[in-house]
C-alpha atoms as a PDB file:
ATOM      1  CA  UNK A   1     -11.876 -14.185  -6.520  1.00  0.00           C
ATOM      2  CA  UNK A   2      -7.860 -14.622  -5.900  1.00  0.00           C
ATOM      3  CA  UNK A   3      -8.081 -13.080  -2.492  1.00  0.00           C
ATOM      4  CA  UNK A   4     -10.969 -15.379  -1.604  1.00  0.00           C
ATOM      5  CA  UNK A   5      -9.048 -18.137  -2.642  1.00  0.00           C
ATOM      6  CA  UNK A   6      -6.158 -17.563  -0.575  1.00  0.00           C
ATOM      7  CA  UNK A   7      -8.067 -16.387   2.286  1.00  0.00           C
ATOM      8  CA  UNK A   8      -9.968 -19.776   2.317  1.00  0.00           C
ATOM      9  CA  UNK A   9      -6.806 -21.784   1.576  1.00  0.00           C
ATOM     10  CA  UNK A  10      -5.071 -19.999   4.393  1.00  0.00           C
ATOM     11  CA  UNK A  11      -7.882 -20.431   6.681  1.00  0.00           C
ATOM     12  CA  UNK A  12      -8.358 -24.199   5.984  1.00  0.00           C
ATOM     13  CA  UNK A  13      -4.785 -25.385   5.305  1.00  0.00           C
ATOM     14  CA  UNK A  14      -2.307 -23.243   7.464  1.00  0.00           C
ATOM     15  CA  UNK A  15      -2.068 -25.870  10.241  1.00  0.00           C
ATOM     16  CA  UNK A  16      -0.755 -28.489   7.731  1.00  0.00           C
ATOM     17  CA  UNK A  17       2.765 -28.098   6.718  1.00  0.00           C
ATOM     18  CA  UNK A  18       2.382 -28.980   3.106  1.00  0.00           C
ATOM     19  CA  UNK A  19      -0.467 -26.351   2.694  1.00  0.00           C
ATOM     20  CA  UNK A  20       1.582 -23.797   4.414  1.00  0.00           C
ATOM     21  CA  UNK A  21       4.140 -24.235   1.573  1.00  0.00           C
ATOM     22  CA  UNK A  22       1.517 -23.882  -0.892  1.00  0.00           C
ATOM     23  CA  UNK A  23       0.058 -20.688   0.808  1.00  0.00           C
ATOM     24  CA  UNK A  24       3.634 -19.194   1.338  1.00  0.00           C
ATOM     25  CA  UNK A  25       4.205 -20.020  -2.501  1.00  0.00           C
ATOM     26  CA  UNK A  26       0.904 -18.140  -3.544  1.00  0.00           C
ATOM     27  CA  UNK A  27       1.856 -15.455  -1.318  1.00  0.00           C
ATOM     28  CA  UNK A  28       5.159 -14.985  -2.967  1.00  0.00           C
ATOM     29  CA  UNK A  29       3.911 -14.660  -6.298  1.00  0.00           C
ATOM     30  CA  UNK A  30       1.815 -11.683  -5.468  1.00  0.00           C
ATOM     31  CA  UNK A  31       4.469  -9.637  -3.337  1.00  0.00           C
ATOM     32  CA  UNK A  32       7.495 -10.433  -5.847  1.00  0.00           C
ATOM     33  CA  UNK A  33       5.781  -8.146  -8.125  1.00  0.00           C
ATOM     34  CA  UNK A  34       5.831  -5.072  -5.740  1.00  0.00           C
ATOM     35  CA  UNK A  35       9.387  -4.131  -6.892  1.00  0.00           C
ATOM     36  CA  UNK A  36       8.659  -4.562 -10.587  1.00  0.00           C
ATOM     37  CA  UNK A  37       9.316  -0.542 -10.598  1.00  0.00           C
ATOM     38  CA  UNK A  38      11.571   0.270  -7.850  1.00  0.00           C
ATOM     39  CA  UNK A  39      13.371   2.216 -10.550  1.00  0.00           C
ATOM     40  CA  UNK A  40      10.785   4.802 -10.664  1.00  0.00           C
ATOM     41  CA  UNK A  41      10.743   8.200  -8.328  1.00  0.00           C
ATOM     42  CA  UNK A  42       7.897  10.146  -8.537  1.00  0.00           C
ATOM     43  CA  UNK A  43       9.724  13.382  -7.088  1.00  0.00           C
ATOM     44  CA  UNK A  44       9.524  15.341 -10.427  1.00  0.00           C
ATOM     45  CA  UNK A  45       5.494  14.672 -10.259  1.00  0.00           C
ATOM     46  CA  UNK A  46       3.772  17.821 -10.711  1.00  0.00           C
ATOM     47  CA  UNK A  47       0.700  17.582  -8.461  1.00  0.00           C
ATOM     48  CA  UNK A  48      -2.197  20.017  -7.873  1.00  0.00           C
ATOM     49  CA  UNK A  49      -3.601  20.695  -4.780  1.00  0.00           C
ATOM     50  CA  UNK A  50      -7.232  20.931  -3.896  1.00  0.00           C
ATOM     51  CA  UNK A  51      -7.020  24.694  -3.727  1.00  0.00           C
ATOM     52  CA  UNK A  52      -5.694  24.069  -7.703  1.00  0.00           C
ATOM     53  CA  UNK A  53      -1.656  25.164  -6.831  1.00  0.00           C
ATOM     54  CA  UNK A  54       0.533  23.191  -8.444  1.00  0.00           C
ATOM     55  CA  UNK A  55       3.764  21.714  -6.436  1.00  0.00           C
ATOM     56  CA  UNK A  56       6.433  19.529  -7.188  1.00  0.00           C
ATOM     57  CA  UNK A  57       5.706  16.135  -5.222  1.00  0.00           C
ATOM     58  CA  UNK A  58       8.876  16.375  -3.577  1.00  0.00           C
ATOM     59  CA  UNK A  59       8.068  19.903  -2.141  1.00  0.00           C
ATOM     60  CA  UNK A  60       5.198  18.114  -0.367  1.00  0.00           C
ATOM     61  CA  UNK A  61       6.397  14.675   0.863  1.00  0.00           C
ATOM     62  CA  UNK A  62      10.347  15.325   1.215  1.00  0.00           C
ATOM     63  CA  UNK A  63      11.194  12.968   4.211  1.00  0.00           C
ATOM     64  CA  UNK A  64       7.784  10.829   4.359  1.00  0.00           C
ATOM     65  CA  UNK A  65       6.514   7.733   3.575  1.00  0.00           C
ATOM     66  CA  UNK A  66       3.571   7.769   1.531  1.00  0.00           C
ATOM     67  CA  UNK A  67       0.627   5.010   1.228  1.00  0.00           C
ATOM     68  CA  UNK A  68      -0.615   7.050  -2.312  1.00  0.00           C
ATOM     69  CA  UNK A  69      -3.667   5.671  -3.629  1.00  0.00           C
ATOM     70  CA  UNK A  70      -4.829   6.369  -7.305  1.00  0.00           C
ATOM     71  CA  UNK A  71      -8.414   6.582  -8.251  1.00  0.00           C
ATOM     72  CA  UNK A  72     -10.233   8.013 -11.625  1.00  0.00           C
ATOM     73  CA  UNK A  73     -13.690   7.541 -10.946  1.00  0.00           C
ATOM     74  CA  UNK A  74     -15.505  10.817 -10.248  1.00  0.00           C
ATOM     75  CA  UNK A  75     -18.820   9.109  -9.520  1.00  0.00           C
ATOM     76  CA  UNK A  76     -17.132   6.733  -6.920  1.00  0.00           C
ATOM     77  CA  UNK A  77     -14.688   8.862  -5.373  1.00  0.00           C
ATOM     78  CA  UNK A  78     -11.189   7.841  -3.501  1.00  0.00           C
ATOM     79  CA  UNK A  79     -10.914   4.294  -2.361  1.00  0.00           C
ATOM     80  CA  UNK A  80     -11.952   5.104   1.150  1.00  0.00           C
ATOM     81  CA  UNK A  81     -13.574   2.532   3.253  1.00  0.00           C
ATOM     82  CA  UNK A  82     -13.104   1.192   7.372  1.00  0.00           C
ATOM     83  CA  UNK A  83     -10.300  -1.024   6.330  1.00  0.00           C
ATOM     84  CA  UNK A  84      -8.287   2.208   4.873  1.00  0.00           C
ATOM     85  CA  UNK A  85      -9.691   4.394   7.947  1.00  0.00           C
ATOM     86  CA  UNK A  86      -8.277   1.499  10.313  1.00  0.00           C
ATOM     87  CA  UNK A  87      -4.671   1.413   8.482  1.00  0.00           C
ATOM     88  CA  UNK A  88      -4.363   5.260   8.652  1.00  0.00           C
ATOM     89  CA  UNK A  89      -5.419   5.130  12.197  1.00  0.00           C
ATOM     90  CA  UNK A  90      -2.790   2.259  12.909  1.00  0.00           C
ATOM     91  CA  UNK A  91      -0.174   4.712  11.505  1.00  0.00           C
ATOM     92  CA  UNK A  92      -1.274   7.942  13.555  1.00  0.00           C
ATOM     93  CA  UNK A  93       1.646   7.266  15.806  1.00  0.00           C
ATOM     94  CA  UNK A  94       4.149   7.381  12.837  1.00  0.00           C
ATOM     95  CA  UNK A  95       4.674  11.131  11.824  1.00  0.00           C
ATOM     96  CA  UNK A  96       6.992  10.320   8.969  1.00  0.00           C
ATOM     97  CA  UNK A  97       3.736   8.214   7.362  1.00  0.00           C
ATOM     98  CA  UNK A  98       1.252  10.308   5.468  1.00  0.00           C
ATOM     99  CA  UNK A  99      -1.550   8.915   3.403  1.00  0.00           C
ATOM    100  CA  UNK A 100      -2.515  10.678   0.099  1.00  0.00           C
ATOM    101  CA  UNK A 101      -5.313  10.110  -2.656  1.00  0.00           C
ATOM    102  CA  UNK A 102      -3.656  10.734  -6.514  1.00  0.00           C
ATOM    103  CA  UNK A 103      -6.562  11.310  -8.832  1.00  0.00           C
ATOM    104  CA  UNK A 104      -5.008  10.083 -12.316  1.00  0.00           C
ATOM    105  CA  UNK A 105      -8.111  11.031 -14.609  1.00  0.00           C
ATOM    106  CA  UNK A 106      -8.043  13.788 -17.171  1.00  0.00           C
ATOM    107  CA  UNK A 107     -11.070  15.942 -15.723  1.00  0.00           C
ATOM    108  CA  UNK A 108      -9.382  18.454 -14.100  1.00  0.00           C
ATOM    109  CA  UNK A 109     -12.263  20.615 -13.520  1.00  0.00           C
ATOM    110  CA  UNK A 110     -14.557  17.888 -12.298  1.00  0.00           C
ATOM    111  CA  UNK A 111     -11.728  16.943  -9.702  1.00  0.00           C
ATOM    112  CA  UNK A 112     -11.725  20.315  -8.235  1.00  0.00           C
ATOM    113  CA  UNK A 113     -15.360  20.133  -7.821  1.00  0.00           C
ATOM    114  CA  UNK A 114     -15.180  16.872  -6.409  1.00  0.00           C
ATOM    115  CA  UNK A 115     -12.915  17.747  -3.699  1.00  0.00           C
ATOM    116  CA  UNK A 116     -14.381  20.961  -3.095  1.00  0.00           C
ATOM    117  CA  UNK A 117     -17.620  18.956  -1.867  1.00  0.00           C
ATOM    118  CA  UNK A 118     -15.742  16.254  -0.555  1.00  0.00           C
ATOM    119  CA  UNK A 119     -12.776  17.940   0.989  1.00  0.00           C
ATOM    120  CA  UNK A 120     -10.265  15.652   2.543  1.00  0.00           C
ATOM    121  CA  UNK A 121      -6.598  16.162   3.265  1.00  0.00           C
ATOM    122  CA  UNK A 122      -3.968  15.098   0.842  1.00  0.00           C
ATOM    123  CA  UNK A 123      -5.825  15.018  -1.877  1.00  0.00           C
ATOM    124  CA  UNK A 124      -4.252  15.428  -5.618  1.00  0.00           C
ATOM    125  CA  UNK A 125      -4.424  15.661  -8.786  1.00  0.00           C
ATOM    126  CA  UNK A 126      -1.462  14.490 -10.976  1.00  0.00           C
ATOM    127  CA  UNK A 127      -0.436  16.304 -14.045  1.00  0.00           C
ATOM    128  CA  UNK A 128       0.170  14.471 -17.372  1.00  0.00           C
ATOM    129  CA  UNK A 129       3.589  15.217 -18.321  1.00  0.00           C
ATOM    130  CA  UNK A 130       6.977  13.598 -19.415  1.00  0.00           C
ATOM    131  CA  UNK A 131       7.596  13.149 -15.770  1.00  0.00           C
ATOM    132  CA  UNK A 132       4.389  11.039 -15.154  1.00  0.00           C
ATOM    133  CA  UNK A 133       3.929   9.304 -18.554  1.00  0.00           C
ATOM    134  CA  UNK A 134       5.778   6.158 -17.298  1.00  0.00           C
ATOM    135  CA  UNK A 135       3.947   5.855 -14.120  1.00  0.00           C
ATOM    136  CA  UNK A 136       0.680   6.107 -16.221  1.00  0.00           C
ATOM    137  CA  UNK A 137       1.898   3.665 -18.697  1.00  0.00           C
ATOM    138  CA  UNK A 138       2.996   0.976 -15.848  1.00  0.00           C
ATOM    139  CA  UNK A 139      -0.636   1.355 -14.570  1.00  0.00           C
ATOM    140  CA  UNK A 140      -1.768  -0.898 -17.746  1.00  0.00           C
ATOM    141  CA  UNK A 141      -5.299   0.455 -17.365  1.00  0.00           C
ATOM    142  CA  UNK A 142      -5.345   0.009 -13.682  1.00  0.00           C
ATOM    143  CA  UNK A 143      -7.190   2.815 -11.549  1.00  0.00           C
ATOM    144  CA  UNK A 144      -7.524   2.136  -8.281  1.00  0.00           C
ATOM    145  CA  UNK A 145      -4.143   1.294  -7.113  1.00  0.00           C
ATOM    146  CA  UNK A 146      -1.986   1.425  -3.723  1.00  0.00           C
ATOM    147  CA  UNK A 147       1.408   2.226  -3.854  1.00  0.00           C
ATOM    148  CA  UNK A 148       3.974   2.965  -1.431  1.00  0.00           C
ATOM    149  CA  UNK A 149       6.389   5.763  -2.231  1.00  0.00           C
ATOM    150  CA  UNK A 150       9.879   5.947   0.099  1.00  0.00           C
ATOM    151  CA  UNK A 151      11.328   9.213   1.798  1.00  0.00           C
ATOM    152  CA  UNK A 152      13.385   9.951  -1.379  1.00  0.00           C
ATOM    153  CA  UNK A 153      10.390   9.675  -3.645  1.00  0.00           C
ATOM    154  CA  UNK A 154      11.313   6.033  -4.535  1.00  0.00           C
ATOM    155  CA  UNK A 155       8.626   3.528  -5.716  1.00  0.00           C
ATOM    156  CA  UNK A 156       8.819   0.708  -3.172  1.00  0.00           C
ATOM    157  CA  UNK A 157       5.638  -0.944  -3.700  1.00  0.00           C
ATOM    158  CA  UNK A 158       4.118  -0.570  -7.000  1.00  0.00           C
ATOM    159  CA  UNK A 159       0.190  -1.947  -7.041  1.00  0.00           C
ATOM    160  CA  UNK A 160       1.207  -3.089  -3.470  1.00  0.00           C
ATOM    161  CA  UNK A 161      -0.615  -4.412  -0.463  1.00  0.00           C
ATOM    162  CA  UNK A 162      -4.253  -3.019  -0.004  1.00  0.00           C
ATOM    163  CA  UNK A 163      -5.810  -1.819   3.467  1.00  0.00           C
ATOM    164  CA  UNK A 164      -7.651  -4.734   4.019  1.00  0.00           C
ATOM    165  CA  UNK A 165      -4.218  -7.004   3.706  1.00  0.00           C
ATOM    166  CA  UNK A 166      -4.129  -6.478   7.809  1.00  0.00           C
ATOM    167  CA  UNK A 167      -0.367  -7.392   8.808  1.00  0.00           C
ATOM    168  CA  UNK A 168       0.856  -7.383   5.352  1.00  0.00           C
ATOM    169  CA  UNK A 169       0.207  -4.043   4.512  1.00  0.00           C
ATOM    170  CA  UNK A 170       1.373  -2.821   8.036  1.00  0.00           C
ATOM    171  CA  UNK A 171       4.392  -4.654   7.791  1.00  0.00           C
ATOM    172  CA  UNK A 172       5.514  -3.441   4.515  1.00  0.00           C
ATOM    173  CA  UNK A 173       4.287   0.014   4.972  1.00  0.00           C
ATOM    174  CA  UNK A 174       6.273   0.036   8.309  1.00  0.00           C
ATOM    175  CA  UNK A 175       9.658  -1.223   6.636  1.00  0.00           C
ATOM    176  CA  UNK A 176       9.089   0.947   4.153  1.00  0.00           C
ATOM    177  CA  UNK A 177       9.851   3.950   6.541  1.00  0.00           C
ATOM    178  CA  UNK A 178      13.562   2.474   6.397  1.00  0.00           C
ATOM    179  CA  UNK A 179      13.887   2.214   2.695  1.00  0.00           C
ATOM    180  CA  UNK A 180      12.969  -1.706   2.473  1.00  0.00           C
ATOM    181  CA  UNK A 181      10.919  -2.610  -0.659  1.00  0.00           C
ATOM    182  CA  UNK A 182       7.748  -4.235  -0.480  1.00  0.00           C
ATOM    183  CA  UNK A 183       8.811  -7.683  -2.346  1.00  0.00           C
ATOM    184  CA  UNK A 184      11.627  -7.667   0.600  1.00  0.00           C
ATOM    185  CA  UNK A 185       9.580  -7.189   3.459  1.00  0.00           C
ATOM    186  CA  UNK A 186       6.595  -8.825   2.245  1.00  0.00           C
ATOM    187  CA  UNK A 187       8.849 -12.206   1.798  1.00  0.00           C
ATOM    188  CA  UNK A 188      10.481 -11.794   5.230  1.00  0.00           C
ATOM    189  CA  UNK A 189       7.201 -11.571   6.636  1.00  0.00           C
ATOM    190  CA  UNK A 190       5.629 -14.668   5.033  1.00  0.00           C
ATOM    191  CA  UNK A 191       8.532 -16.726   5.555  1.00  0.00           C
ATOM    192  CA  UNK A 192       8.349 -15.793   8.983  1.00  0.00           C
ATOM    193  CA  UNK A 193       5.001 -17.369   9.861  1.00  0.00           C
ATOM    194  CA  UNK A 194       5.259 -21.132  10.781  1.00  0.00           C
ATOM    195  CA  UNK A 195       2.356 -23.728   9.936  1.00  0.00           C
ATOM    196  CA  UNK A 196       1.285 -23.135  13.733  1.00  0.00           C
ATOM    197  CA  UNK A 197      -0.060 -19.536  12.574  1.00  0.00           C
ATOM    198  CA  UNK A 198       3.040 -18.106  14.755  1.00  0.00           C
ATOM    199  CA  UNK A 199       5.938 -15.814  14.124  1.00  0.00           C
ATOM    200  CA  UNK A 200       9.346 -17.789  13.836  1.00  0.00           C
ATOM    201  CA  UNK A 201      11.485 -14.864  15.193  1.00  0.00           C
ATOM    202  CA  UNK A 202      11.556 -12.535  18.240  1.00  0.00           C
ATOM    203  CA  UNK A 203      11.958  -9.707  15.844  1.00  0.00           C
ATOM    204  CA  UNK A 204       8.437 -10.161  14.132  1.00  0.00           C
ATOM    205  CA  UNK A 205       6.713 -11.274  17.462  1.00  0.00           C
ATOM    206  CA  UNK A 206       8.099  -7.752  18.964  1.00  0.00           C
ATOM    207  CA  UNK A 207       7.139  -5.528  15.722  1.00  0.00           C
ATOM    208  CA  UNK A 208       3.790  -7.097  15.964  1.00  0.00           C
ATOM    209  CA  UNK A 209       2.901  -6.625  19.758  1.00  0.00           C
ATOM    210  CA  UNK A 210       4.100  -3.188  19.731  1.00  0.00           C
ATOM    211  CA  UNK A 211       2.666  -2.187  16.412  1.00  0.00           C
ATOM    212  CA  UNK A 212      -0.878  -3.664  17.223  1.00  0.00           C
ATOM    213  CA  UNK A 213      -0.558  -2.788  20.860  1.00  0.00           C
ATOM    214  CA  UNK A 214      -1.318  -6.470  22.191  1.00  0.00           C
ATOM    215  CA  UNK A 215       0.355  -8.551  24.629  1.00  0.00           C
ATOM    216  CA  UNK A 216      -0.347 -11.674  23.230  1.00  0.00           C
ATOM    217  CA  UNK A 217      -0.270 -13.001  19.702  1.00  0.00           C
ATOM    218  CA  UNK A 218      -3.484 -15.457  18.976  1.00  0.00           C
ATOM    219  CA  UNK A 219      -3.907 -15.291  15.310  1.00  0.00           C
ATOM    220  CA  UNK A 220      -2.021 -14.775  12.247  1.00  0.00           C
ATOM    221  CA  UNK A 221      -4.505 -15.152   9.762  1.00  0.00           C
ATOM    222  CA  UNK A 222      -4.198 -12.482   7.158  1.00  0.00           C
ATOM    223  CA  UNK A 223      -5.041 -12.079   3.449  1.00  0.00           C
ATOM    224  CA  UNK A 224      -3.360 -11.072   0.630  1.00  0.00           C
ATOM    225  CA  UNK A 225      -4.843  -9.547  -2.639  1.00  0.00           C
ATOM    226  CA  UNK A 226      -3.528  -8.579  -5.962  1.00  0.00           C
ATOM    227  CA  UNK A 227      -4.018  -5.563  -8.024  1.00  0.00           C
ATOM    228  CA  UNK A 228      -4.729  -6.113 -11.701  1.00  0.00           C
END
């Protein structure tokens, strides 16, 4: 419902400066929470691969920026859809960005059976121990949660932008490659859009054109959804 409201407001009001301020305020209220756990580091997490072998997270993803999607429902599977696949495709040119599914449920046997039937790369089982307890507590009952983890294992966006939040998720993930947290980059992006749905700076214009491989920017309408 929140995302629908923000999209509706963005579509109907962005051309009016007063409404633009409302939209920006609502958007910033979401992205300001992305850095709630930037003191968290996942390097010491123990994870199991789809062959049942245990690894420290740092051994698998050192030097990589990771879009880490948690899930727990074996009946529904990981949160894969067209938006997610499109996001992965847009970041295929960046070798330092990877995507991983992190199962946070407790049914280890069921998960192993699931991944054997549905083999996908970077599918992981989170070991429940002292290292991961703070992360699981911070999820507060949420299961399907996107996070962005930096190259050193630092949590840069907790309950971060979703794949359908095109432009926002791309910019935040792109900036995370340089260790920028999601709140900082998200606010910069939102602040950089004017009332005519154009970027205010050449820096943002250049990034958009190069990243999305376009010569002209026609429409900057984008959604911003929250994760409860």
